[in-house]
């Protein structure tokens, strides 16, 4: 199965994010070991994009919230359940939880 966003093929989750945002993720997240000058240029470009499209921030937050809402139940199922201190104490004393 092939996944497309508009006319663009998305192969990875990064592709989906970049197509949803309309910009490369590096613009917002930066790159490892970027110079101060590169960072200043990147941030200026990001400010210009936000100024040209004031709704981008809200759309991005909505996308993040939707993604978390869909994936959080699965993530919580993966998390180990740690009993509270009170439950562990009762278990050590041989009382029911």
Protein backbone atom coordinates (compact mmCIF):
# COMPACT_ATOMS: atom_id res chain seq x y z
CA UNK A 1 0.00 0.00 0.00
CA UNK A 2 1.28 3.44 -0.89
CA UNK A 3 0.56 6.50 1.19
CA UNK A 4 0.07 9.90 -0.37
CA UNK A 5 -0.56 13.35 1.00
CA UNK A 6 -1.93 15.32 -1.91
CA UNK A 7 0.25 14.38 -4.85
CA UNK A 8 3.27 13.57 -2.66
CA UNK A 9 4.20 10.06 -1.61
CA UNK A 10 4.98 9.69 2.10
CA UNK A 11 7.32 6.82 2.92
CA UNK A 12 8.07 7.56 6.57
CA UNK A 13 6.46 9.28 9.54
CA UNK A 14 8.88 12.17 8.96
CA UNK A 15 7.54 12.50 5.41
CA UNK A 16 3.99 12.74 6.78
CA UNK A 17 4.99 15.41 9.28
CA UNK A 18 6.87 17.45 6.70
CA UNK A 19 3.98 17.25 4.26
CA UNK A 20 1.51 18.22 7.01
CA UNK A 21 3.63 21.18 8.07
CA UNK A 22 4.74 22.13 4.59
CA UNK A 23 8.32 22.55 5.80
CA UNK A 24 11.23 20.28 6.67
CA UNK A 25 11.39 19.30 10.35
CA UNK A 26 14.97 20.58 10.59
CA UNK A 27 13.62 24.11 10.18
CA UNK A 28 11.84 23.81 13.53
CA UNK A 29 14.07 21.35 15.38
CA UNK A 30 17.49 22.39 14.13
CA UNK A 31 20.32 20.07 13.29
CA UNK A 32 23.02 18.52 15.38
CA UNK A 33 26.11 20.73 15.73
CA UNK A 34 24.62 23.68 13.82
CA UNK A 35 26.57 26.90 14.13
CA UNK A 36 25.17 30.00 15.83
CA UNK A 37 24.94 31.67 12.42
CA UNK A 38 23.03 28.70 10.94
CA UNK A 39 20.71 28.72 13.93
CA UNK A 40 20.03 32.45 13.57
CA UNK A 41 19.23 32.02 9.85
CA UNK A 42 16.98 29.00 10.55
CA UNK A 43 15.08 30.85 13.29
CA UNK A 44 14.66 33.93 11.07
CA UNK A 45 13.21 31.73 8.32
CA UNK A 46 10.86 30.10 10.82
CA UNK A 47 9.69 33.51 12.05
CA UNK A 48 9.03 34.59 8.47
CA UNK A 49 7.00 31.43 7.80
CA UNK A 50 4.94 31.96 10.96
CA UNK A 51 4.38 35.60 10.02
CA UNK A 52 3.19 34.56 6.54
CA UNK A 53 0.94 31.79 7.93
CA UNK A 54 -0.25 32.69 11.44
CA UNK A 55 -2.47 29.57 11.61
CA UNK A 56 0.50 27.20 11.19
CA UNK A 57 1.24 27.14 14.92
CA UNK A 58 -2.36 26.27 15.84
CA UNK A 59 -2.56 23.62 13.12
CA UNK A 60 0.69 22.08 14.34
CA UNK A 61 -0.51 21.97 17.94
CA UNK A 62 -3.80 20.42 16.80
CA UNK A 63 -1.90 17.80 14.78
CA UNK A 64 0.31 16.97 17.78
CA UNK A 65 -2.71 16.70 20.08
CA UNK A 66 -4.55 14.47 17.62
CA UNK A 67 -1.50 12.25 17.19
CA UNK A 68 -1.05 11.93 20.95
CA UNK A 69 -4.73 11.20 21.39
CA UNK A 70 -4.53 8.37 18.89
CA UNK A 71 -1.22 6.88 20.03
CA UNK A 72 -1.26 7.49 23.78
CA UNK A 73 -3.49 4.50 24.63
CA UNK A 74 -1.04 2.22 22.83
CA UNK A 75 1.91 3.84 24.55
CA UNK A 76 0.29 3.46 27.96
CA UNK A 77 -0.29 -0.22 27.34
CA UNK A 78 3.46 -0.59 26.83
CA UNK A 79 4.30 1.16 30.09
CA UNK A 80 4.88 -1.13 33.06
CA UNK A 81 2.35 -0.78 35.85
CA UNK A 82 4.12 -0.03 39.10
CA UNK A 83 2.04 -0.56 42.24
CA UNK A 84 1.87 2.31 44.67
CA UNK A 85 3.94 2.28 47.86
CA UNK A 86 0.83 1.50 49.92
CA UNK A 87 -0.01 -1.52 47.76
CA UNK A 88 3.57 -2.81 47.95
CA UNK A 89 3.54 -2.45 51.76
CA UNK A 90 0.26 -4.39 52.03
CA UNK A 91 1.64 -7.13 49.82
CA UNK A 92 4.78 -7.42 51.97
CA UNK A 93 2.61 -7.76 55.06
CA UNK A 94 0.53 -10.43 53.33
CA UNK A 95 -2.63 -8.33 53.14
CA UNK A 96 -4.82 -8.22 50.05
CA UNK A 97 -4.25 -5.39 47.60
